[in-house]
Amino acid sequence: FKMTIDSIEIKDEYSYRTSDISTSSLYVEDGYKLLIMFGH
């Protein structure tokens, strides 16, 4: 495999598209934020 490391970010919430008609959201607890590493 090949895995790029594009960014590390803090977000209140995050959703991404899984198809033309659907999206998925990352789970975040109340009183928390998301620390996310993005890549390909």
PDB file of all heavy atoms in Angstrom:
ATOM      1  N   PHE A   1       0.830  -1.208   0.000  1.00  0.00           N
ATOM      2  CA  PHE A   1       0.000   0.000   0.000  1.00  0.00           C
ATOM      3  C   PHE A   1       0.866   1.260   0.000  1.00  0.00           C
ATOM      4  O   PHE A   1       2.057   1.225   0.306  1.00  0.00           O
ATOM      5  CB  PHE A   1      -0.952   0.017   1.201  1.00  0.00           C
ATOM      6  CG  PHE A   1      -0.274   0.276   2.516  1.00  0.00           C
ATOM      7  CD1 PHE A   1      -0.135   1.567   3.027  1.00  0.00           C
ATOM      8  CD2 PHE A   1       0.239  -0.769   3.275  1.00  0.00           C
ATOM      9  CE1 PHE A   1       0.487   1.803   4.235  1.00  0.00           C
ATOM     10  CE2 PHE A   1       0.864  -0.543   4.492  1.00  0.00           C
ATOM     11  CZ  PHE A   1       0.985   0.753   4.975  1.00  0.00           C
ATOM     12  N   LYS A   2       0.220   2.363  -0.342  1.00  0.00           N
ATOM     13  CA  LYS A   2       0.832   3.688  -0.281  1.00  0.00           C
ATOM     14  C   LYS A   2      -0.141   4.613   0.439  1.00  0.00           C
ATOM     15  O   LYS A   2      -1.331   4.642   0.121  1.00  0.00           O
ATOM     16  CB  LYS A   2       1.128   4.214  -1.686  1.00  0.00           C
ATOM     17  CG  LYS A   2       1.775   5.590  -1.703  1.00  0.00           C
ATOM     18  CD  LYS A   2       2.062   6.018  -3.142  1.00  0.00           C
ATOM     19  CE  LYS A   2       2.705   7.393  -3.198  1.00  0.00           C
ATOM     20  NZ  LYS A   2       2.960   7.804  -4.610  1.00  0.00           N
ATOM     21  N   MET A   3       0.369   5.366   1.418  1.00  0.00           N
ATOM     22  CA  MET A   3      -0.490   6.163   2.283  1.00  0.00           C
ATOM     23  C   MET A   3       0.113   7.542   2.455  1.00  0.00           C
ATOM     24  O   MET A   3       1.198   7.685   3.020  1.00  0.00           O
ATOM     25  CB  MET A   3      -0.611   5.434   3.634  1.00  0.00           C
ATOM     26  CG  MET A   3      -1.427   6.087   4.681  1.00  0.00           C
ATOM     27  SD  MET A   3      -1.461   4.965   6.131  1.00  0.00           S
ATOM     28  CE  MET A   3      -2.406   5.955   7.268  1.00  0.00           C
ATOM     29  N   THR A   4      -0.562   8.566   1.947  1.00  0.00           N
ATOM     30  CA  THR A   4      -0.053   9.925   2.096  1.00  0.00           C
ATOM     31  C   THR A   4      -0.564  10.523   3.410  1.00  0.00           C
ATOM     32  O   THR A   4      -1.594  10.101   3.942  1.00  0.00           O
ATOM     33  CB  THR A   4      -0.480  10.822   0.932  1.00  0.00           C
ATOM     34  OG1 THR A   4      -1.910  11.001   0.972  1.00  0.00           O
ATOM     35  CG2 THR A   4      -0.071  10.218  -0.405  1.00  0.00           C
ATOM     36  N   ILE A   5       0.169  11.504   3.919  1.00  0.00           N
ATOM     37  CA  ILE A   5      -0.213  12.218   5.142  1.00  0.00           C
ATOM     38  C   ILE A   5      -0.376  13.681   4.739  1.00  0.00           C
ATOM     39  O   ILE A   5       0.600  14.414   4.595  1.00  0.00           O
ATOM     40  CB  ILE A   5       0.849  12.052   6.236  1.00  0.00           C
ATOM     41  CG1 ILE A   5       1.054  10.564   6.535  1.00  0.00           C
ATOM     42  CG2 ILE A   5       0.454  12.808   7.491  1.00  0.00           C
ATOM     43  CD1 ILE A   5       2.387  10.215   7.123  1.00  0.00           C
ATOM     44  N   ASP A   6      -1.631  14.095   4.534  1.00  0.00           N
ATOM     45  CA  ASP A   6      -1.890  15.400   3.935  1.00  0.00           C
ATOM     46  C   ASP A   6      -2.075  16.523   4.954  1.00  0.00           C
ATOM     47  O   ASP A   6      -1.628  17.649   4.726  1.00  0.00           O
ATOM     48  CB  ASP A   6      -3.121  15.318   3.028  1.00  0.00           C
ATOM     49  CG  ASP A   6      -2.893  14.367   1.850  1.00  0.00           C
ATOM     50  OD1 ASP A   6      -1.723  14.045   1.565  1.00  0.00           O
ATOM     51  OD2 ASP A   6      -3.881  13.936   1.233  1.00  0.00           O
ATOM     52  N   SER A   7      -2.751  16.249   6.062  1.00  0.00           N
ATOM     53  CA  SER A   7      -2.979  17.313   7.050  1.00  0.00           C
ATOM     54  C   SER A   7      -3.434  16.725   8.372  1.00  0.00           C
ATOM     55  O   SER A   7      -3.922  15.583   8.426  1.00  0.00           O
ATOM     56  CB  SER A   7      -4.025  18.319   6.545  1.00  0.00           C
ATOM     57  OG  SER A   7      -5.288  17.690   6.431  1.00  0.00           O
ATOM     58  N   ILE A   8      -3.259  17.492   9.449  1.00  0.00           N
ATOM     59  CA  ILE A   8      -3.796  17.161  10.773  1.00  0.00           C
ATOM     60  C   ILE A   8      -4.572  18.386  11.238  1.00  0.00           C
ATOM     61  O   ILE A   8      -4.016  19.489  11.325  1.00  0.00           O
ATOM     62  CB  ILE A   8      -2.685  16.802  11.773  1.00  0.00           C
ATOM     63  CG1 ILE A   8      -1.971  15.510  11.327  1.00  0.00           C
ATOM     64  CG2 ILE A   8      -3.256  16.636  13.178  1.00  0.00           C
ATOM     65  CD1 ILE A   8      -0.791  15.121  12.201  1.00  0.00           C
ATOM     66  N   GLU A   9      -5.864  18.215  11.529  1.00  0.00           N
ATOM     67  CA  GLU A   9      -6.736  19.351  11.816  1.00  0.00           C
ATOM     68  C   GLU A   9      -7.643  19.060  13.009  1.00  0.00           C
ATOM     69  O   GLU A   9      -7.959  17.907  13.294  1.00  0.00           O
ATOM     70  CB  GLU A   9      -7.605  19.668  10.588  1.00  0.00           C
ATOM     71  CG  GLU A   9      -6.809  19.904   9.305  1.00  0.00           C
ATOM     72  CD  GLU A   9      -7.706  20.050   8.092  1.00  0.00           C
ATOM     73  OE1 GLU A   9      -8.849  20.551   8.258  1.00  0.00           O
ATOM     74  OE2 GLU A   9      -7.281  19.645   6.985  1.00  0.00           O
ATOM     75  N   ILE A  10      -8.088  20.153  13.668  1.00  0.00           N
ATOM     76  CA  ILE A  10      -9.106  20.058  14.712  1.00  0.00           C
ATOM     77  C   ILE A  10     -10.407  20.619  14.143  1.00  0.00           C
ATOM     78  O   ILE A  10     -10.424  21.709  13.576  1.00  0.00           O
ATOM     79  CB  ILE A  10      -8.696  20.845  15.972  1.00  0.00           C
ATOM     80  CG1 ILE A  10      -7.481  20.191  16.633  1.00  0.00           C
ATOM     81  CG2 ILE A  10      -9.854  20.916  16.963  1.00  0.00           C
ATOM     82  CD1 ILE A  10      -6.969  20.924  17.854  1.00  0.00           C
ATOM     83  N   LYS A  11     -11.498  19.843  14.287  1.00  0.00           N
ATOM     84  CA  LYS A  11     -12.783  20.263  13.739  1.00  0.00           C
ATOM     85  C   LYS A  11     -13.889  20.007  14.758  1.00  0.00           C
ATOM     86  O   LYS A  11     -13.813  19.066  15.563  1.00  0.00           O
ATOM     87  CB  LYS A  11     -13.089  19.509  12.441  1.00  0.00           C
ATOM     88  CG  LYS A  11     -12.148  19.872  11.284  1.00  0.00           C
ATOM     89  CD  LYS A  11     -12.573  19.174  10.016  1.00  0.00           C
ATOM     90  CE  LYS A  11     -11.732  19.616   8.819  1.00  0.00           C
ATOM     91  NZ  LYS A  11     -12.001  21.022   8.444  1.00  0.00           N
ATOM     92  N   ASP A  12     -14.923  20.851  14.689  1.00  0.00           N
ATOM     93  CA  ASP A  12     -16.092  20.643  15.548  1.00  0.00           C
ATOM     94  C   ASP A  12     -16.887  19.424  15.080  1.00  0.00           C
ATOM     95  O   ASP A  12     -17.476  18.696  15.879  1.00  0.00           O
ATOM     96  CB  ASP A  12     -16.992  21.877  15.528  1.00  0.00           C
ATOM     97  CG  ASP A  12     -16.326  23.093  16.160  1.00  0.00           C
ATOM     98  OD1 ASP A  12     -15.505  22.905  17.077  1.00  0.00           O
ATOM     99  OD2 ASP A  12     -16.613  24.225  15.723  1.00  0.00           O
ATOM    100  N   GLU A  13     -16.927  19.214  13.771  1.00  0.00           N
ATOM    101  CA  GLU A  13     -17.621  18.064  13.183  1.00  0.00           C
ATOM    102  C   GLU A  13     -17.064  17.857  11.784  1.00  0.00           C
ATOM    103  O   GLU A  13     -16.392  18.733  11.230  1.00  0.00           O
ATOM    104  CB  GLU A  13     -19.130  18.297  13.130  1.00  0.00           C
ATOM    105  CG  GLU A  13     -19.524  19.519  12.347  1.00  0.00           C
ATOM    106  CD  GLU A  13     -21.021  19.805  12.408  1.00  0.00           C
ATOM    107  OE1 GLU A  13     -21.690  19.307  13.331  1.00  0.00           O
ATOM    108  OE2 GLU A  13     -21.492  20.519  11.513  1.00  0.00           O
ATOM    109  N   TYR A  14     -17.333  16.667  11.226  1.00  0.00           N
ATOM    110  CA  TYR A  14     -16.844  16.413   9.875  1.00  0.00           C
ATOM    111  C   TYR A  14     -17.713  15.359   9.202  1.00  0.00           C
ATOM    112  O   TYR A  14     -18.028  14.320   9.787  1.00  0.00           O
ATOM    113  CB  TYR A  14     -15.389  15.941   9.893  1.00  0.00           C
ATOM    114  CG  TYR A  14     -14.815  15.768   8.506  1.00  0.00           C
ATOM    115  CD1 TYR A  14     -14.457  16.876   7.752  1.00  0.00           C
ATOM    116  CD2 TYR A  14     -14.674  14.499   7.944  1.00  0.00           C
ATOM    117  CE1 TYR A  14     -13.953  16.732   6.462  1.00  0.00           C
ATOM    118  CE2 TYR A  14     -14.171  14.346   6.660  1.00  0.00           C
ATOM    119  CZ  TYR A  14     -13.812  15.467   5.931  1.00  0.00           C
ATOM    120  OH  TYR A  14     -13.316  15.323   4.646  1.00  0.00           O
ATOM    121  N   SER A  15     -18.104  15.644   7.956  1.00  0.00           N
ATOM    122  CA  SER A  15     -18.884  14.704   7.144  1.00  0.00           C
ATOM    123  C   SER A  15     -18.212  14.554   5.791  1.00  0.00           C
ATOM    124  O   SER A  15     -17.547  15.479   5.313  1.00  0.00           O
ATOM    125  CB  SER A  15     -20.320  15.205   6.944  1.00  0.00           C
ATOM    126  OG  SER A  15     -20.986  15.331   8.187  1.00  0.00           O
ATOM    127  N   TYR A  16     -18.376  13.393   5.185  1.00  0.00           N
ATOM    128  CA  TYR A  16     -17.830  13.172   3.847  1.00  0.00           C
ATOM    129  C   TYR A  16     -18.843  12.394   3.011  1.00  0.00           C
ATOM    130  O   TYR A  16     -19.673  11.648   3.526  1.00  0.00           O
ATOM    131  CB  TYR A  16     -16.492  12.429   3.901  1.00  0.00           C
ATOM    132  CG  TYR A  16     -16.532  11.093   4.612  1.00  0.00           C
ATOM    133  CD1 TYR A  16     -16.833   9.923   3.925  1.00  0.00           C
ATOM    134  CD2 TYR A  16     -16.254  10.996   5.975  1.00  0.00           C
ATOM    135  CE1 TYR A  16     -16.865   8.697   4.566  1.00  0.00           C
ATOM    136  CE2 TYR A  16     -16.287   9.776   6.629  1.00  0.00           C
ATOM    137  CZ  TYR A  16     -16.588   8.630   5.928  1.00  0.00           C
ATOM    138  OH  TYR A  16     -16.626   7.420   6.564  1.00  0.00           O
ATOM    139  N   ARG A  17     -18.758  12.599   1.709  1.00  0.00           N
ATOM    140  CA  ARG A  17     -19.704  11.971   0.792  1.00  0.00           C
ATOM    141  C   ARG A  17     -19.276  10.532   0.505  1.00  0.00           C
ATOM    142  O   ARG A  17     -18.114  10.273   0.214  1.00  0.00           O
ATOM    143  CB  ARG A  17     -19.788  12.772  -0.496  1.00  0.00           C
ATOM    144  CG  ARG A  17     -20.839  12.265  -1.472  1.00  0.00           C
ATOM    145  CD  ARG A  17     -21.034  13.258  -2.599  1.00  0.00           C
ATOM    146  NE  ARG A  17     -21.602  14.509  -2.125  1.00  0.00           N
ATOM    147  CZ  ARG A  17     -22.897  14.696  -1.846  1.00  0.00           C
ATOM    148  NH1 ARG A  17     -23.760  13.687  -2.015  1.00  0.00           N
ATOM    149  NH2 ARG A  17     -23.336  15.854  -1.422  1.00  0.00           N
ATOM    150  N   THR A  18     -20.207   9.609   0.621  1.00  0.00           N
ATOM    151  CA  THR A  18     -19.930   8.201   0.322  1.00  0.00           C
ATOM    152  C   THR A  18     -20.490   7.776  -1.034  1.00  0.00           C
ATOM    153  O   THR A  18     -20.091   6.740  -1.566  1.00  0.00           O
ATOM    154  CB  THR A  18     -20.515   7.295   1.411  1.00  0.00           C
ATOM    155  OG1 THR A  18     -21.915   7.551   1.533  1.00  0.00           O
ATOM    156  CG2 THR A  18     -19.839   7.567   2.750  1.00  0.00           C
ATOM    157  N   SER A  19     -21.399   8.551  -1.560  1.00  0.00           N
ATOM    158  CA  SER A  19     -21.951   8.298  -2.893  1.00  0.00           C
ATOM    159  C   SER A  19     -22.630   9.587  -3.355  1.00  0.00           C
ATOM    160  O   SER A  19     -22.603  10.611  -2.662  1.00  0.00           O
ATOM    161  CB  SER A  19     -22.947   7.137  -2.867  1.00  0.00           C
ATOM    162  OG  SER A  19     -24.136   7.527  -2.217  1.00  0.00           O
ATOM    163  N   ASP A  20     -23.250   9.542  -4.500  1.00  0.00           N
ATOM    164  CA  ASP A  20     -23.936  10.732  -5.024  1.00  0.00           C
ATOM    165  C   ASP A  20     -25.125  11.137  -4.173  1.00  0.00           C
ATOM    166  O   ASP A  20     -25.568  12.291  -4.212  1.00  0.00           O
ATOM    167  CB  ASP A  20     -24.396  10.484  -6.460  1.00  0.00           C
ATOM    168  CG  ASP A  20     -23.227  10.372  -7.423  1.00  0.00           C
ATOM    169  OD1 ASP A  20     -22.144  10.879  -7.081  1.00  0.00           O
ATOM    170  OD2 ASP A  20     -23.400   9.758  -8.505  1.00  0.00           O
ATOM    171  N   ILE A  21     -25.639  10.200  -3.394  1.00  0.00           N
ATOM    172  CA  ILE A  21     -26.867  10.491  -2.641  1.00  0.00           C
ATOM    173  C   ILE A  21     -26.713  10.316  -1.128  1.00  0.00           C
ATOM    174  O   ILE A  21     -27.683  10.454  -0.399  1.00  0.00           O
ATOM    175  CB  ILE A  21     -28.017   9.605  -3.134  1.00  0.00           C
ATOM    176  CG1 ILE A  21     -27.659   8.121  -2.967  1.00  0.00           C
ATOM    177  CG2 ILE A  21     -28.368   9.923  -4.583  1.00  0.00           C
ATOM    178  CD1 ILE A  21     -28.812   7.181  -3.266  1.00  0.00           C
ATOM    179  N   SER A  22     -25.510   9.997  -0.646  1.00  0.00           N
ATOM    180  CA  SER A  22     -25.365   9.758   0.802  1.00  0.00           C
ATOM    181  C   SER A  22     -24.059  10.339   1.339  1.00  0.00           C
ATOM    182  O   SER A  22     -23.088  10.503   0.604  1.00  0.00           O
ATOM    183  CB  SER A  22     -25.436   8.257   1.115  1.00  0.00           C
ATOM    184  OG  SER A  22     -24.359   7.581   0.510  1.00  0.00           O
ATOM    185  N   THR A  23     -24.072  10.644   2.630  1.00  0.00           N
ATOM    186  CA  THR A  23     -22.882  11.131   3.330  1.00  0.00           C
ATOM    187  C   THR A  23     -22.741  10.378   4.641  1.00  0.00           C
ATOM    188  O   THR A  23     -23.683   9.737   5.115  1.00  0.00           O
ATOM    189  CB  THR A  23     -22.975  12.638   3.631  1.00  0.00           C
ATOM    190  OG1 THR A  23     -24.133  12.875   4.452  1.00  0.00           O
ATOM    191  CG2 THR A  23     -23.055  13.464   2.364  1.00  0.00           C
ATOM    192  N   SER A  24     -21.570  10.477   5.226  1.00  0.00           N
ATOM    193  CA  SER A  24     -21.310   9.863   6.529  1.00  0.00           C
ATOM    194  C   SER A  24     -20.634  10.905   7.422  1.00  0.00           C
ATOM    195  O   SER A  24     -19.807  11.701   6.946  1.00  0.00           O
ATOM    196  CB  SER A  24     -20.406   8.637   6.382  1.00  0.00           C
ATOM    197  OG  SER A  24     -20.155   8.045   7.636  1.00  0.00           O
ATOM    198  N   SER A  25     -20.987  10.908   8.697  1.00  0.00           N
ATOM    199  CA  SER A  25     -20.429  11.870   9.647  1.00  0.00           C
ATOM    200  C   SER A  25     -19.596  11.149  10.691  1.00  0.00           C
ATOM    201  O   SER A  25     -19.971  10.059  11.156  1.00  0.00           O
ATOM    202  CB  SER A  25     -21.551  12.649  10.341  1.00  0.00           C
ATOM    203  OG  SER A  25     -22.318  13.372   9.402  1.00  0.00           O
ATOM    204  N   LEU A  26     -18.477  11.752  11.067  1.00  0.00           N
ATOM    205  CA  LEU A  26     -17.644  11.191  12.126  1.00  0.00           C
ATOM    206  C   LEU A  26     -18.319  11.428  13.474  1.00  0.00           C
ATOM    207  O   LEU A  26     -18.895  12.502  13.715  1.00  0.00           O
ATOM    208  CB  LEU A  26     -16.257  11.829  12.124  1.00  0.00           C
ATOM    209  CG  LEU A  26     -15.440  11.710  10.835  1.00  0.00           C
ATOM    210  CD1 LEU A  26     -14.040  12.286  11.041  1.00  0.00           C
ATOM    211  CD2 LEU A  26     -15.342  10.266  10.370  1.00  0.00           C
ATOM    212  N   TYR A  27     -18.228  10.452  14.346  1.00  0.00           N
ATOM    213  CA  TYR A  27     -18.844  10.544  15.664  1.00  0.00           C
ATOM    214  C   TYR A  27     -18.046  11.502  16.556  1.00  0.00           C
ATOM    215  O   TYR A  27     -16.819  11.399  16.647  1.00  0.00           O
ATOM    216  CB  TYR A  27     -18.903   9.163  16.314  1.00  0.00           C
ATOM    217  CG  TYR A  27     -19.310   9.203  17.762  1.00  0.00           C
ATOM    218  CD1 TYR A  27     -20.628   9.446  18.127  1.00  0.00           C
ATOM    219  CD2 TYR A  27     -18.361   9.024  18.769  1.00  0.00           C
ATOM    220  CE1 TYR A  27     -21.011   9.494  19.459  1.00  0.00           C
ATOM    221  CE2 TYR A  27     -18.735   9.067  20.105  1.00  0.00           C
ATOM    222  CZ  TYR A  27     -20.047   9.304  20.445  1.00  0.00           C
ATOM    223  OH  TYR A  27     -20.409   9.365  21.753  1.00  0.00           O
ATOM    224  N   VAL A  28     -18.739  12.428  17.212  1.00  0.00           N
ATOM    225  CA  VAL A  28     -18.084  13.331  18.161  1.00  0.00           C
ATOM    226  C   VAL A  28     -18.973  13.455  19.398  1.00  0.00           C
ATOM    227  O   VAL A  28     -20.186  13.665  19.301  1.00  0.00           O
ATOM    228  CB  VAL A  28     -17.804  14.716  17.522  1.00  0.00           C
ATOM    229  CG1 VAL A  28     -19.069  15.357  16.992  1.00  0.00           C
ATOM    230  CG2 VAL A  28     -17.100  15.632  18.515  1.00  0.00           C
ATOM    231  N   GLU A  29     -18.385  13.297  20.570  1.00  0.00           N
ATOM    232  CA  GLU A  29     -19.126  13.378  21.824  1.00  0.00           C
ATOM    233  C   GLU A  29     -19.425  14.833  22.175  1.00  0.00           C
ATOM    234  O   GLU A  29     -18.724  15.756  21.752  1.00  0.00           O
ATOM    235  CB  GLU A  29     -18.301  12.759  22.969  1.00  0.00           C
ATOM    236  CG  GLU A  29     -18.063  11.278  22.843  1.00  0.00           C
ATOM    237  CD  GLU A  29     -17.311  10.732  24.045  1.00  0.00           C
ATOM    238  OE1 GLU A  29     -17.774  10.963  25.191  1.00  0.00           O
ATOM    239  OE2 GLU A  29     -16.256  10.115  23.862  1.00  0.00           O
ATOM    240  N   ASP A  30     -20.453  15.039  23.007  1.00  0.00           N
ATOM    241  CA  ASP A  30     -20.748  16.373  23.511  1.00  0.00           C
ATOM    242  C   ASP A  30     -19.587  16.841  24.379  1.00  0.00           C
ATOM    243  O   ASP A  30     -19.079  16.087  25.224  1.00  0.00           O
ATOM    244  CB  ASP A  30     -22.036  16.350  24.352  1.00  0.00           C
ATOM    245  CG  ASP A  30     -23.269  16.113  23.503  1.00  0.00           C
ATOM    246  OD1 ASP A  30     -23.206  16.403  22.289  1.00  0.00           O
ATOM    247  OD2 ASP A  30     -24.283  15.630  24.055  1.00  0.00           O
ATOM    248  N   GLY A  31     -19.164  18.092  24.171  1.00  0.00           N
ATOM    249  CA  GLY A  31     -18.051  18.633  24.943  1.00  0.00           C
ATOM    250  C   GLY A  31     -16.692  18.237  24.391  1.00  0.00           C
ATOM    251  O   GLY A  31     -15.671  18.502  25.020  1.00  0.00           O
ATOM    252  N   TYR A  32     -16.672  17.624  23.223  1.00  0.00           N
ATOM    253  CA  TYR A  32     -15.426  17.184  22.591  1.00  0.00           C
ATOM    254  C   TYR A  32     -15.303  17.778  21.190  1.00  0.00           C
ATOM    255  O   TYR A  32     -16.279  18.271  20.615  1.00  0.00           O
ATOM    256  CB  TYR A  32     -15.379  15.653  22.485  1.00  0.00           C
ATOM    257  CG  TYR A  32     -15.059  14.954  23.782  1.00  0.00           C
ATOM    258  CD1 TYR A  32     -16.006  14.905  24.818  1.00  0.00           C
ATOM    259  CD2 TYR A  32     -13.839  14.344  23.986  1.00  0.00           C
ATOM    260  CE1 TYR A  32     -15.725  14.260  26.007  1.00  0.00           C
ATOM    261  CE2 TYR A  32     -13.546  13.694  25.176  1.00  0.00           C
ATOM    262  CZ  TYR A  32     -14.491  13.661  26.183  1.00  0.00           C
ATOM    263  OH  TYR A  32     -14.207  13.035  27.370  1.00  0.00           O
ATOM    264  N   LYS A  33     -14.100  17.704  20.654  1.00  0.00           N
ATOM    265  CA  LYS A  33     -13.848  18.063  19.265  1.00  0.00           C
ATOM    266  C   LYS A  33     -13.103  16.919  18.594  1.00  0.00           C
ATOM    267  O   LYS A  33     -12.620  16.003  19.250  1.00  0.00           O
ATOM    268  CB  LYS A  33     -13.039  19.363  19.175  1.00  0.00           C
ATOM    269  CG  LYS A  33     -13.822  20.594  19.626  1.00  0.00           C
ATOM    270  CD  LYS A  33     -13.081  21.876  19.293  1.00  0.00           C
ATOM    271  CE  LYS A  33     -13.923  23.087  19.674  1.00  0.00           C
ATOM    272  NZ  LYS A  33     -13.275  24.363  19.261  1.00  0.00           N
ATOM    273  N   LEU A  34     -13.023  16.998  17.279  1.00  0.00           N
ATOM    274  CA  LEU A  34     -12.345  15.968  16.496  1.00  0.00           C
ATOM    275  C   LEU A  34     -10.926  16.415  16.161  1.00  0.00           C
ATOM    276  O   LEU A  34     -10.714  17.522  15.665  1.00  0.00           O
ATOM    277  CB  LEU A  34     -13.105  15.703  15.203  1.00  0.00           C
ATOM    278  CG  LEU A  34     -14.507  15.111  15.330  1.00  0.00           C
ATOM    279  CD1 LEU A  34     -15.235  15.213  13.994  1.00  0.00           C
ATOM    280  CD2 LEU A  34     -14.446  13.669  15.802  1.00  0.00           C
ATOM    281  N   LEU A  35      -9.972  15.543  16.439  1.00  0.00           N
ATOM    282  CA  LEU A  35      -8.606  15.721  15.948  1.00  0.00           C
ATOM    283  C   LEU A  35      -8.420  14.684  14.836  1.00  0.00           C
ATOM    284  O   LEU A  35      -8.501  13.484  15.092  1.00  0.00           O
ATOM    285  CB  LEU A  35      -7.588  15.508  17.065  1.00  0.00           C
ATOM    286  CG  LEU A  35      -6.115  15.577  16.661  1.00  0.00           C
ATOM    287  CD1 LEU A  35      -5.753  16.956  16.114  1.00  0.00           C
ATOM    288  CD2 LEU A  35      -5.204  15.221  17.844  1.00  0.00           C
ATOM    289  N   ILE A  36      -8.186  15.162  13.610  1.00  0.00           N
ATOM    290  CA  ILE A  36      -8.241  14.280  12.443  1.00  0.00           C
ATOM    291  C   ILE A  36      -6.958  14.390  11.622  1.00  0.00           C
ATOM    292  O   ILE A  36      -6.462  15.486  11.359  1.00  0.00           O
ATOM    293  CB  ILE A  36      -9.424  14.645  11.521  1.00  0.00           C
ATOM    294  CG1 ILE A  36     -10.700  14.868  12.329  1.00  0.00           C
ATOM    295  CG2 ILE A  36      -9.641  13.568  10.463  1.00  0.00           C
ATOM    296  CD1 ILE A  36     -11.861  15.414  11.503  1.00  0.00           C
ATOM    297  N   MET A  37      -6.452  13.226  11.193  1.00  0.00           N
ATOM    298  CA  MET A  37      -5.384  13.179  10.197  1.00  0.00           C
ATOM    299  C   MET A  37      -5.997  12.733   8.875  1.00  0.00           C
ATOM    300  O   MET A  37      -6.647  11.686   8.808  1.00  0.00           O
ATOM    301  CB  MET A  37      -4.269  12.221  10.617  1.00  0.00           C
ATOM    302  CG  MET A  37      -3.097  12.201   9.641  1.00  0.00           C
ATOM    303  SD  MET A  37      -1.681  11.235  10.245  1.00  0.00           S
ATOM    304  CE  MET A  37      -2.242   9.580   9.863  1.00  0.00           C
ATOM    305  N   PHE A  38      -5.795  13.531   7.827  1.00  0.00           N
ATOM    306  CA  PHE A  38      -6.343  13.244   6.507  1.00  0.00           C
ATOM    307  C   PHE A  38      -5.237  12.789   5.564  1.00  0.00           C
ATOM    308  O   PHE A  38      -4.078  13.207   5.677  1.00  0.00           O
ATOM    309  CB  PHE A  38      -6.996  14.492   5.906  1.00  0.00           C
ATOM    310  CG  PHE A  38      -8.222  14.966   6.635  1.00  0.00           C
ATOM    311  CD1 PHE A  38      -8.138  16.015   7.545  1.00  0.00           C
ATOM    312  CD2 PHE A  38      -9.455  14.379   6.404  1.00  0.00           C
ATOM    313  CE1 PHE A  38      -9.273  16.469   8.207  1.00  0.00           C
ATOM    314  CE2 PHE A  38     -10.591  14.823   7.061  1.00  0.00           C
ATOM    315  CZ  PHE A  38     -10.497  15.869   7.967  1.00  0.00           C
ATOM    316  N   GLY A  39      -5.612  11.949   4.591  1.00  0.00           N
ATOM    317  CA  GLY A  39      -4.661  11.534   3.569  1.00  0.00           C
ATOM    318  C   GLY A  39      -5.334  10.694   2.498  1.00  0.00           C
ATOM    319  O   GLY A  39      -6.564  10.565   2.459  1.00  0.00           O
ATOM    320  N   HIS A  40      -4.518  10.109   1.652  1.00  0.00           N
ATOM    321  CA  HIS A  40      -5.005   9.277   0.555  1.00  0.00           C
ATOM    322  C   HIS A  40      -4.356   7.895   0.669  1.00  0.00           C
ATOM    323  O   HIS A  40      -3.162   7.796   0.987  1.00  0.00           O
ATOM    324  CB  HIS A  40      -4.660   9.917  -0.795  1.00  0.00           C
ATOM    325  CG  HIS A  40      -5.404   9.320  -1.938  1.00  0.00           C
ATOM    326  ND1 HIS A  40      -6.742   9.563  -2.182  1.00  0.00           N
ATOM    327  CD2 HIS A  40      -4.999   8.466  -2.924  1.00  0.00           C
ATOM    328  CE1 HIS A  40      -7.126   8.908  -3.256  1.00  0.00           C
ATOM    329  NE2 HIS A  40      -6.093   8.219  -3.726  1.00  0.00           N
TER     330      HIS A  40
END
